Amino acid sequence: MTLRDAQEEKEYIIKEIDTDDEELNAFLFSLGCYSGEAITVISHLKGGCIVSIKDGRYNIDNQLAEAIII
């Protein structure tokens, strides 16, 4: 299941990041988004979703949400 399919306000554990783009992997890692880390979808938006990772909230687009496997 991808982050785009996640229920709001429920905590999930990231299983993997499914992308071949090293720059994207590095960006997500800098946010604290990597395998084994907890992530919560705060709300779904038309173009993406707002997520909570560690103590931060981030707005990510649908392409990023599809790359995050939970």
PDB file of N, CA and C in Angstrom:
ATOM      1  N   MET A   1       0.851  -1.175   0.000  1.00  0.00           N
ATOM      2  CA  MET A   1       0.000   0.000   0.000  1.00  0.00           C
ATOM      3  C   MET A   1       0.903   1.247   0.000  1.00  0.00           C
ATOM      4  N   THR A   2       0.482   2.231  -0.734  1.00  0.00           N
ATOM      5  CA  THR A   2       1.258   3.472  -0.788  1.00  0.00           C
ATOM      6  C   THR A   2       0.667   4.496   0.182  1.00  0.00           C
ATOM      7  N   LEU A   3       1.419   5.540   0.400  1.00  0.00           N
ATOM      8  CA  LEU A   3       0.982   6.600   1.310  1.00  0.00           C
ATOM      9  C   LEU A   3      -0.288   7.272   0.800  1.00  0.00           C
ATOM     10  N   ARG A   4      -0.474   7.280  -0.492  1.00  0.00           N
ATOM     11  CA  ARG A   4      -1.660   7.902  -1.074  1.00  0.00           C
ATOM     12  C   ARG A   4      -2.943   7.172  -0.670  1.00  0.00           C
ATOM     13  N   ASP A   5      -2.835   5.879  -0.362  1.00  0.00           N
ATOM     14  CA  ASP A   5      -3.994   5.072   0.030  1.00  0.00           C
ATOM     15  C   ASP A   5      -4.213   5.048   1.539  1.00  0.00           C
ATOM     16  N   ALA A   6      -3.357   5.699   2.293  1.00  0.00           N
ATOM     17  CA  ALA A   6      -3.404   5.634   3.759  1.00  0.00           C
ATOM     18  C   ALA A   6      -4.604   6.383   4.323  1.00  0.00           C
ATOM     19  N   GLN A   7      -5.070   5.911   5.475  1.00  0.00           N
ATOM     20  CA  GLN A   7      -6.150   6.593   6.189  1.00  0.00           C
ATOM     21  C   GLN A   7      -5.570   7.790   6.939  1.00  0.00           C
ATOM     22  N   GLU A   8      -6.363   8.819   7.060  1.00  0.00           N
ATOM     23  CA  GLU A   8      -5.933  10.010   7.794  1.00  0.00           C
ATOM     24  C   GLU A   8      -5.863   9.721   9.286  1.00  0.00           C
ATOM     25  N   GLU A   9      -4.895  10.359   9.951  1.00  0.00           N
ATOM     26  CA  GLU A   9      -4.700  10.286  11.407  1.00  0.00           C
ATOM     27  C   GLU A   9      -4.313   8.900  11.912  1.00  0.00           C
ATOM     28  N   LYS A  10      -3.855   8.007  11.049  1.00  0.00           N
ATOM     29  CA  LYS A  10      -3.404   6.686  11.470  1.00  0.00           C
ATOM     30  C   LYS A  10      -1.905   6.592  11.205  1.00  0.00           C
ATOM     31  N   GLU A  11      -1.155   6.080  12.196  1.00  0.00           N
ATOM     32  CA  GLU A  11       0.291   5.980  12.056  1.00  0.00           C
ATOM     33  C   GLU A  11       0.662   4.704  11.310  1.00  0.00           C
ATOM     34  N   TYR A  12       1.598   4.838  10.370  1.00  0.00           N
ATOM     35  CA  TYR A  12       2.103   3.718   9.591  1.00  0.00           C
ATOM     36  C   TYR A  12       3.626   3.682   9.701  1.00  0.00           C
ATOM     37  N   ILE A  13       4.192   2.533   9.405  1.00  0.00           N
ATOM     38  CA  ILE A  13       5.643   2.386   9.343  1.00  0.00           C
ATOM     39  C   ILE A  13       6.037   2.288   7.876  1.00  0.00           C
ATOM     40  N   ILE A  14       7.022   3.067   7.479  1.00  0.00           N
ATOM     41  CA  ILE A  14       7.488   3.050   6.088  1.00  0.00           C
ATOM     42  C   ILE A  14       8.240   1.752   5.829  1.00  0.00           C
ATOM     43  N   LYS A  15       7.810   1.002   4.813  1.00  0.00           N
ATOM     44  CA  LYS A  15       8.479  -0.246   4.445  1.00  0.00           C
ATOM     45  C   LYS A  15       9.630   0.016   3.484  1.00  0.00           C
ATOM     46  N   GLU A  16       9.387   0.878   2.491  1.00  0.00           N
ATOM     47  CA  GLU A  16      10.439   1.198   1.526  1.00  0.00           C
ATOM     48  C   GLU A  16      10.072   2.451   0.746  1.00  0.00           C
ATOM     49  N   ILE A  17      11.090   3.006   0.109  1.00  0.00           N
ATOM     50  CA  ILE A  17      10.907   4.134  -0.801  1.00  0.00           C
ATOM     51  C   ILE A  17      11.153   3.584  -2.201  1.00  0.00           C
ATOM     52  N   ASP A  18      10.122   3.580  -3.025  1.00  0.00           N
ATOM     53  CA  ASP A  18      10.187   2.955  -4.354  1.00  0.00           C
ATOM     54  C   ASP A  18      10.479   3.999  -5.428  1.00  0.00           C
ATOM     55  N   THR A  19      11.753   4.364  -5.566  1.00  0.00           N
ATOM     56  CA  THR A  19      12.146   5.312  -6.602  1.00  0.00           C
ATOM     57  C   THR A  19      13.588   5.042  -7.013  1.00  0.00           C
ATOM     58  N   ASP A  20      13.904   5.317  -8.254  1.00  0.00           N
ATOM     59  CA  ASP A  20      15.270   5.167  -8.749  1.00  0.00           C
ATOM     60  C   ASP A  20      16.015   6.493  -8.740  1.00  0.00           C
ATOM     61  N   ASP A  21      15.343   7.559  -8.349  1.00  0.00           N
ATOM     62  CA  ASP A  21      15.917   8.899  -8.341  1.00  0.00           C
ATOM     63  C   ASP A  21      16.693   9.130  -7.042  1.00  0.00           C
ATOM     64  N   GLU A  22      18.010   9.185  -7.130  1.00  0.00           N
ATOM     65  CA  GLU A  22      18.852   9.356  -5.953  1.00  0.00           C
ATOM     66  C   GLU A  22      18.613  10.702  -5.275  1.00  0.00           C
ATOM     67  N   GLU A  23      18.338  11.729  -6.072  1.00  0.00           N
ATOM     68  CA  GLU A  23      18.071  13.057  -5.507  1.00  0.00           C
ATOM     69  C   GLU A  23      16.794  13.038  -4.670  1.00  0.00           C
ATOM     70  N   LEU A  24      15.782  12.340  -5.153  1.00  0.00           N
ATOM     71  CA  LEU A  24      14.528  12.209  -4.418  1.00  0.00           C
ATOM     72  C   LEU A  24      14.740  11.412  -3.135  1.00  0.00           C
ATOM     73  N   ASN A  25      15.509  10.337  -3.215  1.00  0.00           N
ATOM     74  CA  ASN A  25      15.831   9.549  -2.020  1.00  0.00           C
ATOM     75  C   ASN A  25      16.540  10.402  -0.973  1.00  0.00           C
ATOM     76  N   ALA A  26      17.492  11.197  -1.405  1.00  0.00           N
ATOM     77  CA  ALA A  26      18.235  12.058  -0.488  1.00  0.00           C
ATOM     78  C   ALA A  26      17.317  13.105   0.144  1.00  0.00           C
ATOM     79  N   PHE A  27      16.406  13.661  -0.648  1.00  0.00           N
ATOM     80  CA  PHE A  27      15.463  14.650  -0.133  1.00  0.00           C
ATOM     81  C   PHE A  27      14.565  14.034   0.931  1.00  0.00           C
ATOM     82  N   LEU A  28      13.996  12.871   0.638  1.00  0.00           N
ATOM     83  CA  LEU A  28      13.114  12.207   1.601  1.00  0.00           C
ATOM     84  C   LEU A  28      13.874  11.820   2.870  1.00  0.00           C
ATOM     85  N   PHE A  29      15.114  11.371   2.710  1.00  0.00           N
ATOM     86  CA  PHE A  29      15.932  11.023   3.863  1.00  0.00           C
ATOM     87  C   PHE A  29      16.182  12.246   4.743  1.00  0.00           C
ATOM     88  N   SER A  30      16.388  13.401   4.122  1.00  0.00           N
ATOM     89  CA  SER A  30      16.628  14.629   4.888  1.00  0.00           C
ATOM     90  C   SER A  30      15.393  15.045   5.691  1.00  0.00           C
ATOM     91  N   LEU A  31      14.210  14.629   5.240  1.00  0.00           N
ATOM     92  CA  LEU A  31      12.973  14.904   5.980  1.00  0.00           C
ATOM     93  C   LEU A  31      12.753  13.897   7.107  1.00  0.00           C
ATOM     94  N   GLY A  32      13.529  12.823   7.117  1.00  0.00           N
ATOM     95  CA  GLY A  32      13.340  11.755   8.093  1.00  0.00           C
ATOM     96  C   GLY A  32      12.450  10.652   7.578  1.00  0.00           C
ATOM     97  N   CYS A  33      12.266  10.616   6.272  1.00  0.00           N
ATOM     98  CA  CYS A  33      11.387   9.640   5.621  1.00  0.00           C
ATOM     99  C   CYS A  33      12.235   8.517   5.033  1.00  0.00           C
ATOM    100  N   TYR A  34      12.334   7.406   5.775  1.00  0.00           N
ATOM    101  CA  TYR A  34      13.118   6.250   5.335  1.00  0.00           C
ATOM    102  C   TYR A  34      12.538   4.992   5.967  1.00  0.00           C
ATOM    103  N   SER A  35      12.968   3.840   5.505  1.00  0.00           N
ATOM    104  CA  SER A  35      12.432   2.564   5.975  1.00  0.00           C
ATOM    105  C   SER A  35      12.516   2.441   7.491  1.00  0.00           C
ATOM    106  N   GLY A  36      11.426   1.969   8.092  1.00  0.00           N
ATOM    107  CA  GLY A  36      11.373   1.762   9.528  1.00  0.00           C
ATOM    108  C   GLY A  36      10.879   2.964  10.314  1.00  0.00           C
ATOM    109  N   GLU A  37      10.716   4.102   9.673  1.00  0.00           N
ATOM    110  CA  GLU A  37      10.286   5.324  10.352  1.00  0.00           C
ATOM    111  C   GLU A  37       8.761   5.404  10.352  1.00  0.00           C
ATOM    112  N   ALA A  38       8.190   5.969  11.413  1.00  0.00           N
ATOM    113  CA  ALA A  38       6.737   6.154  11.510  1.00  0.00           C
ATOM    114  C   ALA A  38       6.326   7.391  10.721  1.00  0.00           C
ATOM    115  N   ILE A  39       5.161   7.300  10.072  1.00  0.00           N
ATOM    116  CA  ILE A  39       4.621   8.417   9.298  1.00  0.00           C
ATOM    117  C   ILE A  39       3.102   8.431   9.468  1.00  0.00           C
ATOM    118  N   THR A  40       2.533   9.615   9.548  1.00  0.00           N
ATOM    119  CA  THR A  40       1.089   9.774   9.712  1.00  0.00           C
ATOM    120  C   THR A  40       0.575  10.746   8.665  1.00  0.00           C
ATOM    121  N   VAL A  41      -0.506  10.372   7.979  1.00  0.00           N
ATOM    122  CA  VAL A  41      -1.152  11.281   7.034  1.00  0.00           C
ATOM    123  C   VAL A  41      -2.121  12.150   7.827  1.00  0.00           C
ATOM    124  N   ILE A  42      -1.873  13.453   7.814  1.00  0.00           N
ATOM    125  CA  ILE A  42      -2.741  14.391   8.519  1.00  0.00           C
ATOM    126  C   ILE A  42      -4.011  14.636   7.701  1.00  0.00           C
ATOM    127  N   SER A  43      -3.838  14.897   6.398  1.00  0.00           N
ATOM    128  CA  SER A  43      -4.996  15.073   5.522  1.00  0.00           C
ATOM    129  C   SER A  43      -4.599  14.855   4.071  1.00  0.00           C
ATOM    130  N   HIS A  44      -5.577  14.442   3.282  1.00  0.00           N
ATOM    131  CA  HIS A  44      -5.388  14.276   1.839  1.00  0.00           C
ATOM    132  C   HIS A  44      -5.865  15.545   1.152  1.00  0.00           C
ATOM    133  N   LEU A  45      -5.090  16.007   0.195  1.00  0.00           N
ATOM    134  CA  LEU A  45      -5.440  17.177  -0.592  1.00  0.00           C
ATOM    135  C   LEU A  45      -5.606  16.764  -2.045  1.00  0.00           C
ATOM    136  N   LYS A  46      -6.109  17.645  -2.869  1.00  0.00           N
ATOM    137  CA  LYS A  46      -6.317  17.342  -4.282  1.00  0.00           C
ATOM    138  C   LYS A  46      -4.999  16.971  -4.975  1.00  0.00           C
ATOM    139  N   GLY A  47      -3.927  17.694  -4.685  1.00  0.00           N
ATOM    140  CA  GLY A  47      -2.650  17.449  -5.353  1.00  0.00           C
ATOM    141  C   GLY A  47      -1.672  16.622  -4.565  1.00  0.00           C
ATOM    142  N   GLY A  48      -2.039  16.164  -3.374  1.00  0.00           N
ATOM    143  CA  GLY A  48      -1.115  15.388  -2.553  1.00  0.00           C
ATOM    144  C   GLY A  48      -1.664  15.183  -1.164  1.00  0.00           C
ATOM    145  N   CYS A  49      -0.779  15.246  -0.166  1.00  0.00           N
ATOM    146  CA  CYS A  49      -1.226  15.075   1.211  1.00  0.00           C
ATOM    147  C   CYS A  49      -0.263  15.760   2.172  1.00  0.00           C
ATOM    148  N   ILE A  50      -0.759  16.007   3.371  1.00  0.00           N
ATOM    149  CA  ILE A  50       0.058  16.563   4.441  1.00  0.00           C
ATOM    150  C   ILE A  50       0.399  15.409   5.367  1.00  0.00           C
ATOM    151  N   VAL A  51       1.695  15.237   5.643  1.00  0.00           N
ATOM    152  CA  VAL A  51       2.147  14.135   6.478  1.00  0.00           C
ATOM    153  C   VAL A  51       2.918  14.663   7.675  1.00  0.00           C
ATOM    154  N   SER A  52       2.953  13.855   8.707  1.00  0.00           N
ATOM    155  CA  SER A  52       3.733  14.153   9.897  1.00  0.00           C
ATOM    156  C   SER A  52       4.822  13.089  10.010  1.00  0.00           C
ATOM    157  N   ILE A  53       6.079  13.553  10.019  1.00  0.00           N
ATOM    158  CA  ILE A  53       7.227  12.669  10.183  1.00  0.00           C
ATOM    159  C   ILE A  53       8.050  13.244  11.327  1.00  0.00           C
ATOM    160  N   LYS A  54       8.277  12.413  12.343  1.00  0.00           N
ATOM    161  CA  LYS A  54       8.951  12.880  13.558  1.00  0.00           C
ATOM    162  C   LYS A  54       8.200  14.088  14.096  1.00  0.00           C
ATOM    163  N   ASP A  55       8.833  15.246  14.227  1.00  0.00           N
ATOM    164  CA  ASP A  55       8.153  16.423  14.772  1.00  0.00           C
ATOM    165  C   ASP A  55       7.771  17.432  13.696  1.00  0.00           C
ATOM    166  N   GLY A  56       7.872  17.066  12.422  1.00  0.00           N
ATOM    167  CA  GLY A  56       7.582  18.008  11.343  1.00  0.00           C
ATOM    168  C   GLY A  56       6.361  17.613  10.536  1.00  0.00           C
ATOM    169  N   ARG A  57       5.754  18.627   9.924  1.00  0.00           N
ATOM    170  CA  ARG A  57       4.639  18.401   8.999  1.00  0.00           C
ATOM    171  C   ARG A  57       5.065  18.876   7.631  1.00  0.00           C
ATOM    172  N   TYR A  58       4.753  18.070   6.615  1.00  0.00           N
ATOM    173  CA  TYR A  58       5.177  18.371   5.256  1.00  0.00           C
ATOM    174  C   TYR A  58       4.028  18.142   4.284  1.00  0.00           C
ATOM    175  N   ASN A  59       3.986  18.964   3.249  1.00  0.00           N
ATOM    176  CA  ASN A  59       3.034  18.805   2.171  1.00  0.00           C
ATOM    177  C   ASN A  59       3.771  18.101   1.034  1.00  0.00           C
ATOM    178  N   ILE A  60       3.340  16.904   0.682  1.00  0.00           N
ATOM    179  CA  ILE A  60       3.997  16.170  -0.400  1.00  0.00           C
ATOM    180  C   ILE A  60       2.995  15.941  -1.529  1.00  0.00           C
ATOM    181  N   ASP A  61       3.504  15.921  -2.747  1.00  0.00           N
ATOM    182  CA  ASP A  61       2.613  15.733  -3.891  1.00  0.00           C
ATOM    183  C   ASP A  61       2.310  14.248  -4.097  1.00  0.00           C
ATOM    184  N   ASN A  62       1.408  13.971  -5.027  1.00  0.00           N
ATOM    185  CA  ASN A  62       0.979  12.586  -5.261  1.00  0.00           C
ATOM    186  C   ASN A  62       2.105  11.703  -5.773  1.00  0.00           C
ATOM    187  N   GLN A  63       3.051  12.258  -6.534  1.00  0.00           N
ATOM    188  CA  GLN A  63       4.172  11.465  -7.036  1.00  0.00           C
ATOM    189  C   GLN A  63       5.024  10.960  -5.873  1.00  0.00           C
ATOM    190  N   LEU A  64       5.308  11.810  -4.914  1.00  0.00           N
ATOM    191  CA  LEU A  64       6.067  11.386  -3.736  1.00  0.00           C
ATOM    192  C   LEU A  64       5.257  10.397  -2.906  1.00  0.00           C
ATOM    193  N   ALA A  65       3.967  10.651  -2.744  1.00  0.00           N
ATOM    194  CA  ALA A  65       3.112   9.762  -1.957  1.00  0.00           C
ATOM    195  C   ALA A  65       3.060   8.363  -2.564  1.00  0.00           C
ATOM    196  N   GLU A  66       3.083   8.267  -3.883  1.00  0.00           N
ATOM    197  CA  GLU A  66       3.084   6.968  -4.552  1.00  0.00           C
ATOM    198  C   GLU A  66       4.405   6.224  -4.364  1.00  0.00           C
ATOM    199  N   ALA A  67       5.490   6.945  -4.133  1.00  0.00           N
ATOM    200  CA  ALA A  67       6.811   6.330  -3.974  1.00  0.00           C
ATOM    201  C   ALA A  67       7.044   5.791  -2.569  1.00  0.00           C
ATOM    202  N   ILE A  68       6.231   6.214  -1.616  1.00  0.00           N
ATOM    203  CA  ILE A  68       6.406   5.790  -0.230  1.00  0.00           C
ATOM    204  C   ILE A  68       5.491   4.592   0.045  1.00  0.00           C
ATOM    205  N   ILE A  69       6.108   3.435   0.269  1.00  0.00           N
ATOM    206  CA  ILE A  69       5.369   2.195   0.512  1.00  0.00           C
ATOM    207  C   ILE A  69       5.248   2.000   2.021  1.00  0.00           C
ATOM    208  N   ILE A  70       4.002   1.778   2.482  1.00  0.00           N
ATOM    209  CA  ILE A  70       3.776   1.580   3.913  1.00  0.00           C
ATOM    210  C   ILE A  70       3.180   0.207   4.172  1.00  0.00           C
TER     211      ILE A  70
END
